[in-house]
PDB file of N, CA and C in Angstrom:
ATOM      1  N   MET A   1       0.892  -1.236  -0.037  1.00  0.00           N
ATOM      2  CA  MET A   1      -0.067  -0.111   0.002  1.00  0.00           C
ATOM      3  C   MET A   1       0.855   1.254   0.022  1.00  0.00           C
ATOM      4  N   LYS A   2       0.596   2.199  -0.883  1.00  0.00           N
ATOM      5  CA  LYS A   2       1.388   3.325  -1.003  1.00  0.00           C
ATOM      6  C   LYS A   2       0.975   4.275   0.280  1.00  0.00           C
ATOM      7  N   ASN A   3       1.969   5.077   0.678  1.00  0.00           N
ATOM      8  CA  ASN A   3       1.846   6.014   1.782  1.00  0.00           C
ATOM      9  C   ASN A   3       0.625   6.914   1.655  1.00  0.00           C
ATOM     10  N   GLY A   4       0.417   7.371   0.499  1.00  0.00           N
ATOM     11  CA  GLY A   4      -0.884   8.295   0.151  1.00  0.00           C
ATOM     12  C   GLY A   4      -2.101   7.460   0.324  1.00  0.00           C
ATOM     13  N   ASN A   5      -2.205   6.078   0.510  1.00  0.00           N
ATOM     14  CA  ASN A   5      -3.404   5.378   0.442  1.00  0.00           C
ATOM     15  C   ASN A   5      -3.582   4.934   2.099  1.00  0.00           C
ATOM     16  N   LYS A   6      -2.648   5.209   2.891  1.00  0.00           N
ATOM     17  CA  LYS A   6      -2.835   4.736   4.196  1.00  0.00           C
ATOM     18  C   LYS A   6      -4.115   5.515   4.853  1.00  0.00           C
ATOM     19  N   LYS A   7      -4.825   4.770   5.616  1.00  0.00           N
ATOM     20  CA  LYS A   7      -6.014   5.273   6.527  1.00  0.00           C
ATOM     21  C   LYS A   7      -5.533   6.409   7.264  1.00  0.00           C
ATOM     22  N   LYS A   8      -6.361   7.700   7.286  1.00  0.00           N
ATOM     23  CA  LYS A   8      -6.004   8.602   8.209  1.00  0.00           C
ATOM     24  C   LYS A   8      -7.185   8.960   9.012  1.00  0.00           C
ATOM     25  N   ALA A   9      -6.850   9.467  10.264  1.00  0.00           N
ATOM     26  CA  ALA A   9      -8.020   9.900  11.150  1.00  0.00           C
ATOM     27  C   ALA A   9      -7.536  11.141  12.072  1.00  0.00           C
ATOM     28  N   VAL A  10      -8.552  12.055  12.174  1.00  0.00           N
ATOM     29  CA  VAL A  10      -8.226  13.168  13.069  1.00  0.00           C
ATOM     30  C   VAL A  10      -9.420  13.218  13.915  1.00  0.00           C
ATOM     31  N   ALA A  11      -9.165  13.282  15.206  1.00  0.00           N
ATOM     32  CA  ALA A  11     -10.317  13.516  16.202  1.00  0.00           C
ATOM     33  C   ALA A  11     -10.327  15.107  16.567  1.00  0.00           C
ATOM     34  N   ILE A  12     -11.280  15.655  16.595  1.00  0.00           N
ATOM     35  CA  ILE A  12     -11.456  16.995  17.100  1.00  0.00           C
ATOM     36  C   ILE A  12     -12.519  17.179  18.172  1.00  0.00           C
ATOM     37  N   LYS A  13     -12.417  18.200  18.857  1.00  0.00           N
ATOM     38  CA  LYS A  13     -13.287  18.349  19.992  1.00  0.00           C
ATOM     39  C   LYS A  13     -13.521  19.856  20.226  1.00  0.00           C
ATOM     40  N   TYR A  14     -14.856  20.142  20.390  1.00  0.00           N
ATOM     41  CA  TYR A  14     -15.214  21.515  20.592  1.00  0.00           C
ATOM     42  C   TYR A  14     -15.899  21.722  21.976  1.00  0.00           C
ATOM     43  N   ASN A  15     -15.511  22.659  22.694  1.00  0.00           N
ATOM     44  CA  ASN A  15     -15.910  22.830  24.067  1.00  0.00           C
ATOM     45  C   ASN A  15     -16.567  24.187  23.938  1.00  0.00           C
ATOM     46  N   GLU A  16     -17.489  24.403  24.772  1.00  0.00           N
ATOM     47  CA  GLU A  16     -18.316  25.654  24.835  1.00  0.00           C
ATOM     48  C   GLU A  16     -17.307  26.627  25.351  1.00  0.00           C
ATOM     49  N   GLY A  17     -17.273  27.763  24.537  1.00  0.00           N
ATOM     50  CA  GLY A  17     -16.271  28.724  25.009  1.00  0.00           C
ATOM     51  C   GLY A  17     -14.961  28.794  24.297  1.00  0.00           C
ATOM     52  N   ASP A  18     -14.746  27.784  23.497  1.00  0.00           N
ATOM     53  CA  ASP A  18     -13.577  27.572  22.675  1.00  0.00           C
ATOM     54  C   ASP A  18     -13.769  28.595  21.490  1.00  0.00           C
ATOM     55  N   ILE A  19     -12.814  29.069  20.950  1.00  0.00           N
ATOM     56  CA  ILE A  19     -12.929  29.912  19.611  1.00  0.00           C
ATOM     57  C   ILE A  19     -13.158  29.008  18.526  1.00  0.00           C
ATOM     58  N   ALA A  20     -12.661  27.776  18.367  1.00  0.00           N
ATOM     59  CA  ALA A  20     -12.813  26.809  17.309  1.00  0.00           C
ATOM     60  C   ALA A  20     -12.479  25.487  17.870  1.00  0.00           C
ATOM     61  N   PRO A  21     -12.953  24.309  17.131  1.00  0.00           N
ATOM     62  CA  PRO A  21     -12.508  23.109  17.532  1.00  0.00           C
ATOM     63  C   PRO A  21     -11.151  22.881  17.510  1.00  0.00           C
ATOM     64  N   LYS A  22     -10.679  22.024  18.356  1.00  0.00           N
ATOM     65  CA  LYS A  22      -9.227  21.545  18.380  1.00  0.00           C
ATOM     66  C   LYS A  22      -8.846  20.275  18.016  1.00  0.00           C
ATOM     67  N   VAL A  23      -7.748  20.035  17.592  1.00  0.00           N
ATOM     68  CA  VAL A  23      -7.434  18.554  17.089  1.00  0.00           C
ATOM     69  C   VAL A  23      -6.930  18.086  18.396  1.00  0.00           C
ATOM     70  N   ILE A  24      -7.429  16.839  18.813  1.00  0.00           N
ATOM     71  CA  ILE A  24      -7.124  16.151  20.002  1.00  0.00           C
ATOM     72  C   ILE A  24      -6.334  14.869  19.654  1.00  0.00           C
ATOM     73  N   ALA A  25      -6.480  14.380  18.568  1.00  0.00           N
ATOM     74  CA  ALA A  25      -5.625  13.162  18.214  1.00  0.00           C
ATOM     75  C   ALA A  25      -5.622  13.030  16.591  1.00  0.00           C
ATOM     76  N   LYS A  26      -4.501  12.431  16.344  1.00  0.00           N
ATOM     77  CA  LYS A  26      -4.385  12.221  14.694  1.00  0.00           C
ATOM     78  C   LYS A  26      -3.504  11.160  14.314  1.00  0.00           C
ATOM     79  N   GLY A  27      -3.580  10.533  13.289  1.00  0.00           N
ATOM     80  CA  GLY A  27      -2.753   9.550  13.032  1.00  0.00           C
ATOM     81  C   GLY A  27      -3.067   9.004  11.674  1.00  0.00           C
ATOM     82  N   LYS A  28      -1.991   8.106  11.072  1.00  0.00           N
ATOM     83  CA  LYS A  28      -2.217   7.396   9.728  1.00  0.00           C
ATOM     84  C   LYS A  28      -1.936   5.870  10.085  1.00  0.00           C
ATOM     85  N   GLY A  29      -2.505   5.045   9.174  1.00  0.00           N
ATOM     86  CA  GLY A  29      -2.384   3.586   9.288  1.00  0.00           C
ATOM     87  C   GLY A  29      -2.992   3.069  10.645  1.00  0.00           C
ATOM     88  N   GLU A  30      -2.132   2.328  11.278  1.00  0.00           N
ATOM     89  CA  GLU A  30      -2.661   1.650  12.524  1.00  0.00           C
ATOM     90  C   GLU A  30      -2.944   2.647  13.607  1.00  0.00           C
ATOM     91  N   VAL A  31      -2.317   3.627  13.574  1.00  0.00           N
ATOM     92  CA  VAL A  31      -2.826   4.820  14.710  1.00  0.00           C
ATOM     93  C   VAL A  31      -4.106   5.285  14.290  1.00  0.00           C
ATOM     94  N   ALA A  32      -4.377   5.349  13.018  1.00  0.00           N
ATOM     95  CA  ALA A  32      -5.760   5.986  12.430  1.00  0.00           C
ATOM     96  C   ALA A  32      -6.887   4.869  12.960  1.00  0.00           C
ATOM     97  N   LYS A  33      -6.536   3.703  12.742  1.00  0.00           N
ATOM     98  CA  LYS A  33      -7.423   2.522  13.060  1.00  0.00           C
ATOM     99  C   LYS A  33      -7.865   2.662  14.626  1.00  0.00           C
ATOM    100  N   LYS A  34      -6.772   2.839  15.405  1.00  0.00           N
ATOM    101  CA  LYS A  34      -6.922   2.773  16.833  1.00  0.00           C
ATOM    102  C   LYS A  34      -7.773   4.025  17.215  1.00  0.00           C
ATOM    103  N   ILE A  35      -7.584   5.182  16.484  1.00  0.00           N
ATOM    104  CA  ILE A  35      -8.458   6.426  16.968  1.00  0.00           C
ATOM    105  C   ILE A  35      -9.780   6.041  16.484  1.00  0.00           C
ATOM    106  N   ILE A  36      -9.987   5.625  15.495  1.00  0.00           N
ATOM    107  CA  ILE A  36     -11.450   5.273  14.942  1.00  0.00           C
ATOM    108  C   ILE A  36     -12.100   4.364  15.802  1.00  0.00           C
ATOM    109  N   ASN A  37     -11.363   3.137  16.238  1.00  0.00           N
ATOM    110  CA  ASN A  37     -11.941   2.189  17.163  1.00  0.00           C
ATOM    111  C   ASN A  37     -12.203   2.725  18.697  1.00  0.00           C
ATOM    112  N   LYS A  38     -11.392   3.561  19.152  1.00  0.00           N
ATOM    113  CA  LYS A  38     -11.513   4.205  20.361  1.00  0.00           C
ATOM    114  C   LYS A  38     -12.817   5.161  20.263  1.00  0.00           C
ATOM    115  N   GLY A  39     -13.028   5.768  19.195  1.00  0.00           N
ATOM    116  CA  GLY A  39     -14.122   6.648  19.190  1.00  0.00           C
ATOM    117  C   GLY A  39     -15.345   5.842  19.154  1.00  0.00           C
ATOM    118  N   LYS A  40     -15.281   4.646  18.467  1.00  0.00           N
ATOM    119  CA  LYS A  40     -16.522   3.887  18.271  1.00  0.00           C
ATOM    120  C   LYS A  40     -16.870   3.360  19.713  1.00  0.00           C
ATOM    121  N   GLU A  41     -15.710   2.817  20.462  1.00  0.00           N
ATOM    122  CA  GLU A  41     -15.840   2.313  21.614  1.00  0.00           C
ATOM    123  C   GLU A  41     -16.541   3.263  22.777  1.00  0.00           C
ATOM    124  N   GLU A  42     -16.047   4.693  22.694  1.00  0.00           N
ATOM    125  CA  GLU A  42     -16.620   5.627  23.528  1.00  0.00           C
ATOM    126  C   GLU A  42     -18.020   6.241  22.973  1.00  0.00           C
ATOM    127  N   GLY A  43     -18.501   5.599  21.903  1.00  0.00           N
ATOM    128  CA  GLY A  43     -19.948   5.980  21.399  1.00  0.00           C
ATOM    129  C   GLY A  43     -19.864   7.276  20.725  1.00  0.00           C
ATOM    130  N   ILE A  44     -18.598   7.592  20.273  1.00  0.00           N
ATOM    131  CA  ILE A  44     -18.411   8.889  19.518  1.00  0.00           C
ATOM    132  C   ILE A  44     -18.684   8.760  17.934  1.00  0.00           C
ATOM    133  N   GLU A  45     -19.467   9.381  17.385  1.00  0.00           N
ATOM    134  CA  GLU A  45     -19.789   9.224  15.900  1.00  0.00           C
ATOM    135  C   GLU A  45     -18.517   9.356  15.131  1.00  0.00           C
ATOM    136  N   VAL A  46     -18.461   8.558  14.146  1.00  0.00           N
ATOM    137  CA  VAL A  46     -17.244   8.748  13.216  1.00  0.00           C
ATOM    138  C   VAL A  46     -17.877   9.072  11.815  1.00  0.00           C
ATOM    139  N   VAL A  47     -17.247  10.285  11.376  1.00  0.00           N
ATOM    140  CA  VAL A  47     -17.623  10.865  10.036  1.00  0.00           C
ATOM    141  C   VAL A  47     -16.380  10.804   9.137  1.00  0.00           C
ATOM    142  N   GLU A  48     -16.540  10.125   7.954  1.00  0.00           N
ATOM    143  CA  GLU A  48     -15.420  10.112   6.926  1.00  0.00           C
ATOM    144  C   GLU A  48     -15.648  11.302   6.045  1.00  0.00           C
ATOM    145  N   ASN A  49     -14.504  12.215   5.867  1.00  0.00           N
ATOM    146  CA  ASN A  49     -14.503  13.106   4.908  1.00  0.00           C
ATOM    147  C   ASN A  49     -12.979  13.312   4.631  1.00  0.00           C
ATOM    148  N   LYS A  50     -12.586  12.613   3.523  1.00  0.00           N
ATOM    149  CA  LYS A  50     -11.237  12.620   3.169  1.00  0.00           C
ATOM    150  C   LYS A  50     -10.593  13.968   2.983  1.00  0.00           C
ATOM    151  N   GLU A  51     -11.451  14.785   2.368  1.00  0.00           N
ATOM    152  CA  GLU A  51     -10.918  16.229   1.925  1.00  0.00           C
ATOM    153  C   GLU A  51     -10.494  17.028   3.385  1.00  0.00           C
ATOM    154  N   ILE A  52     -11.476  16.873   4.211  1.00  0.00           N
ATOM    155  CA  ILE A  52     -11.163  17.681   5.429  1.00  0.00           C
ATOM    156  C   ILE A  52     -10.126  17.007   6.344  1.00  0.00           C
ATOM    157  N   THR A  53     -10.147  15.701   6.334  1.00  0.00           N
ATOM    158  CA  THR A  53      -9.090  14.911   7.119  1.00  0.00           C
ATOM    159  C   THR A  53      -7.651  15.253   6.350  1.00  0.00           C
ATOM    160  N   ASP A  54      -7.475  15.311   5.057  1.00  0.00           N
ATOM    161  CA  ASP A  54      -6.250  15.658   4.617  1.00  0.00           C
ATOM    162  C   ASP A  54      -5.743  16.983   5.026  1.00  0.00           C
ATOM    163  N   LYS A  55      -6.574  17.820   5.282  1.00  0.00           N
ATOM    164  CA  LYS A  55      -6.192  19.223   5.809  1.00  0.00           C
ATOM    165  C   LYS A  55      -5.789  19.162   7.301  1.00  0.00           C
ATOM    166  N   LEU A  56      -6.846  18.600   8.083  1.00  0.00           N
ATOM    167  CA  LEU A  56      -6.548  18.533   9.405  1.00  0.00           C
ATOM    168  C   LEU A  56      -5.459  17.699   9.955  1.00  0.00           C
ATOM    169  N   ILE A  57      -4.948  16.742   9.026  1.00  0.00           N
ATOM    170  CA  ILE A  57      -3.905  15.896   9.547  1.00  0.00           C
ATOM    171  C   ILE A  57      -2.568  16.569   9.591  1.00  0.00           C
ATOM    172  N   ASN A  58      -2.495  17.862   9.016  1.00  0.00           N
ATOM    173  CA  ASN A  58      -1.236  18.552   9.051  1.00  0.00           C
ATOM    174  C   ASN A  58      -1.159  19.464  10.266  1.00  0.00           C
ATOM    175  N   LEU A  59      -2.191  19.546  11.149  1.00  0.00           N
ATOM    176  CA  LEU A  59      -2.312  20.475  12.251  1.00  0.00           C
ATOM    177  C   LEU A  59      -1.579  19.637  13.411  1.00  0.00           C
ATOM    178  N   ASP A  60      -1.190  20.408  14.346  1.00  0.00           N
ATOM    179  CA  ASP A  60      -0.631  19.912  15.646  1.00  0.00           C
ATOM    180  C   ASP A  60      -1.687  19.479  16.669  1.00  0.00           C
ATOM    181  N   ILE A  61      -1.570  18.522  17.407  1.00  0.00           N
ATOM    182  CA  ILE A  61      -2.404  18.247  18.599  1.00  0.00           C
ATOM    183  C   ILE A  61      -2.542  19.511  19.420  1.00  0.00           C
ATOM    184  N   GLY A  62      -3.867  19.746  19.728  1.00  0.00           N
ATOM    185  CA  GLY A  62      -4.123  21.024  20.440  1.00  0.00           C
ATOM    186  C   GLY A  62      -4.401  22.272  19.712  1.00  0.00           C
ATOM    187  N   GLN A  63      -3.986  22.151  18.455  1.00  0.00           N
ATOM    188  CA  GLN A  63      -4.227  23.383  17.545  1.00  0.00           C
ATOM    189  C   GLN A  63      -5.595  23.442  17.104  1.00  0.00           C
ATOM    190  N   GLU A  64      -6.173  24.724  16.986  1.00  0.00           N
ATOM    191  CA  GLU A  64      -7.499  25.034  16.737  1.00  0.00           C
ATOM    192  C   GLU A  64      -7.456  24.990  15.131  1.00  0.00           C
ATOM    193  N   ILE A  65      -8.659  24.449  14.531  1.00  0.00           N
ATOM    194  CA  ILE A  65      -8.805  24.314  13.219  1.00  0.00           C
ATOM    195  C   ILE A  65      -8.595  25.641  12.548  1.00  0.00           C
ATOM    196  N   PRO A  66      -8.123  25.774  11.394  1.00  0.00           N
ATOM    197  CA  PRO A  66      -7.950  27.079  10.643  1.00  0.00           C
ATOM    198  C   PRO A  66      -9.391  27.463  10.169  1.00  0.00           C
ATOM    199  N   GLU A  67      -9.576  28.836  10.065  1.00  0.00           N
ATOM    200  CA  GLU A  67     -10.836  29.500   9.743  1.00  0.00           C
ATOM    201  C   GLU A  67     -11.229  29.052   8.381  1.00  0.00           C
ATOM    202  N   GLU A  68     -10.459  28.729   7.528  1.00  0.00           N
ATOM    203  CA  GLU A  68     -11.021  28.232   6.213  1.00  0.00           C
ATOM    204  C   GLU A  68     -11.765  26.991   6.265  1.00  0.00           C
ATOM    205  N   LEU A  69     -11.598  26.284   7.365  1.00  0.00           N
ATOM    206  CA  LEU A  69     -12.409  24.977   7.642  1.00  0.00           C
ATOM    207  C   LEU A  69     -13.544  25.321   8.554  1.00  0.00           C
ATOM    208  N   TYR A  70     -13.862  26.339   9.180  1.00  0.00           N
ATOM    209  CA  TYR A  70     -14.938  26.492  10.061  1.00  0.00           C
ATOM    210  C   TYR A  70     -16.259  25.905   9.562  1.00  0.00           C
ATOM    211  N   THR A  71     -16.626  26.346   8.262  1.00  0.00           N
ATOM    212  CA  THR A  71     -17.888  25.947   7.723  1.00  0.00           C
ATOM    213  C   THR A  71     -18.041  24.477   7.612  1.00  0.00           C
ATOM    214  N   ALA A  72     -17.041  23.906   7.107  1.00  0.00           N
ATOM    215  CA  ALA A  72     -17.038  22.504   6.775  1.00  0.00           C
ATOM    216  C   ALA A  72     -17.262  21.679   7.948  1.00  0.00           C
ATOM    217  N   VAL A  73     -16.294  22.107   8.981  1.00  0.00           N
ATOM    218  CA  VAL A  73     -16.254  21.363  10.566  1.00  0.00           C
ATOM    219  C   VAL A  73     -17.625  21.633  11.057  1.00  0.00           C
ATOM    220  N   ALA A  74     -18.064  22.883  10.942  1.00  0.00           N
ATOM    221  CA  ALA A  74     -19.292  23.113  11.696  1.00  0.00           C
ATOM    222  C   ALA A  74     -20.489  22.344  11.163  1.00  0.00           C
ATOM    223  N   GLU A  75     -20.544  22.001   9.903  1.00  0.00           N
ATOM    224  CA  GLU A  75     -21.468  21.184   9.313  1.00  0.00           C
ATOM    225  C   GLU A  75     -21.477  19.856   9.743  1.00  0.00           C
ATOM    226  N   ILE A  76     -20.117  19.245   9.846  1.00  0.00           N
ATOM    227  CA  ILE A  76     -20.066  17.983  10.397  1.00  0.00           C
ATOM    228  C   ILE A  76     -20.325  17.929  11.960  1.00  0.00           C
ATOM    229  N   LEU A  77     -20.005  18.839  12.673  1.00  0.00           N
ATOM    230  CA  LEU A  77     -20.378  18.920  13.938  1.00  0.00           C
ATOM    231  C   LEU A  77     -21.828  19.051  14.329  1.00  0.00           C
ATOM    232  N   ALA A  78     -22.649  19.770  13.385  1.00  0.00           N
ATOM    233  CA  ALA A  78     -24.098  19.892  13.440  1.00  0.00           C
ATOM    234  C   ALA A  78     -24.706  18.448  13.025  1.00  0.00           C
ATOM    235  N   PHE A  79     -24.162  17.793  12.171  1.00  0.00           N
ATOM    236  CA  PHE A  79     -24.539  16.536  11.811  1.00  0.00           C
ATOM    237  C   PHE A  79     -24.469  15.525  12.942  1.00  0.00           C
ATOM    238  N   VAL A  80     -23.318  15.544  13.467  1.00  0.00           N
ATOM    239  CA  VAL A  80     -22.964  14.601  14.685  1.00  0.00           C
ATOM    240  C   VAL A  80     -23.966  14.822  15.799  1.00  0.00           C
ATOM    241  N   TYR A  81     -24.193  16.181  16.141  1.00  0.00           N
ATOM    242  CA  TYR A  81     -24.962  16.660  17.404  1.00  0.00           C
ATOM    243  C   TYR A  81     -26.425  16.196  17.067  1.00  0.00           C
ATOM    244  N   GLN A  82     -26.728  16.331  15.733  1.00  0.00           N
ATOM    245  CA  GLN A  82     -28.101  15.825  15.329  1.00  0.00           C
ATOM    246  C   GLN A  82     -28.329  14.262  15.497  1.00  0.00           C
ATOM    247  N   LEU A  83     -27.301  13.591  15.153  1.00  0.00           N
ATOM    248  CA  LEU A  83     -27.294  12.067  15.417  1.00  0.00           C
ATOM    249  C   LEU A  83     -27.409  11.914  16.856  1.00  0.00           C
ATOM    250  N   ASP A  84     -26.502  12.443  17.626  1.00  0.00           N
ATOM    251  CA  ASP A  84     -26.658  12.280  19.114  1.00  0.00           C
ATOM    252  C   ASP A  84     -28.042  12.585  19.584  1.00  0.00           C
ATOM    253  N   LYS A  85     -28.602  13.686  19.138  1.00  0.00           N
ATOM    254  CA  LYS A  85     -29.900  14.025  19.622  1.00  0.00           C
ATOM    255  C   LYS A  85     -31.009  13.113  19.385  1.00  0.00           C
ATOM    256  N   ASN A  86     -30.888  12.604  18.008  1.00  0.00           N
ATOM    257  CA  ASN A  86     -31.731  11.466  17.714  1.00  0.00           C
ATOM    258  C   ASN A  86     -31.704  10.155  18.448  1.00  0.00           C
ATOM    259  N   LYS A  87     -30.426   9.827  18.751  1.00  0.00           N
ATOM    260  CA  LYS A  87     -30.160   8.534  19.693  1.00  0.00           C
ATOM    261  C   LYS A  87     -30.948   8.882  20.974  1.00  0.00           C
ATOM    262  N   GLY A  88     -30.655  10.072  21.580  1.00  0.00           N
ATOM    263  CA  GLY A  88     -31.393  10.269  22.803  1.00  0.00           C
ATOM    264  C   GLY A  88     -32.990  10.321  22.718  1.00  0.00           C
ATOM    265  N   ASP A  89     -33.435  10.811  21.685  1.00  0.00           N
ATOM    266  CA  ASP A  89     -34.985  10.860  21.549  1.00  0.00           C
ATOM    267  C   ASP A  89     -35.467   9.376  21.482  1.00  0.00           C
ATOM    268  N   ASN A  90     -34.683   8.537  20.792  1.00  0.00           N
ATOM    269  CA  ASN A  90     -35.068   7.180  20.531  1.00  0.00           C
ATOM    270  C   ASN A  90     -34.872   6.175  21.746  1.00  0.00           C
ATOM    271  N   LEU A  91     -34.267   6.769  22.887  1.00  0.00           N
ATOM    272  CA  LEU A  91     -33.910   5.943  24.021  1.00  0.00           C
ATOM    273  C   LEU A  91     -35.289   5.541  24.765  1.00  0.00           C
ATOM    274  N   GLY A  92     -36.134   6.498  24.577  1.00  0.00           N
ATOM    275  CA  GLY A  92     -37.596   6.402  25.271  1.00  0.00           C
ATOM    276  C   GLY A  92     -38.468   5.368  24.683  1.00  0.00           C
ATOM    277  N   GLU A  93     -38.247   4.942  23.501  1.00  0.00           N
ATOM    278  CA  GLU A  93     -39.067   4.206  22.671  1.00  0.00           C
ATOM    279  C   GLU A  93     -39.089   2.588  23.153  1.00  0.00           C
TER     280      GLU A  93
END
């Protein structure tokens, strides 16, 4: 497998009061698989977006996402929050 084809993963987190989401984990290959598996184990939604991942993978851990990615990341976070809300709504069924 070529290096460019290795699986990549970036975990981001946004806390109320933060200016922007921050990179909390990132990796390629086996590290990426571990990040994805850990997220799934913790019940965290995993969203695949190669274009954004390719940009975020170059950031440092703890670094805020750049302004040019605010809209794209906001759309992903809104999607994830909606999934979480729907899961919560379905718990009473």
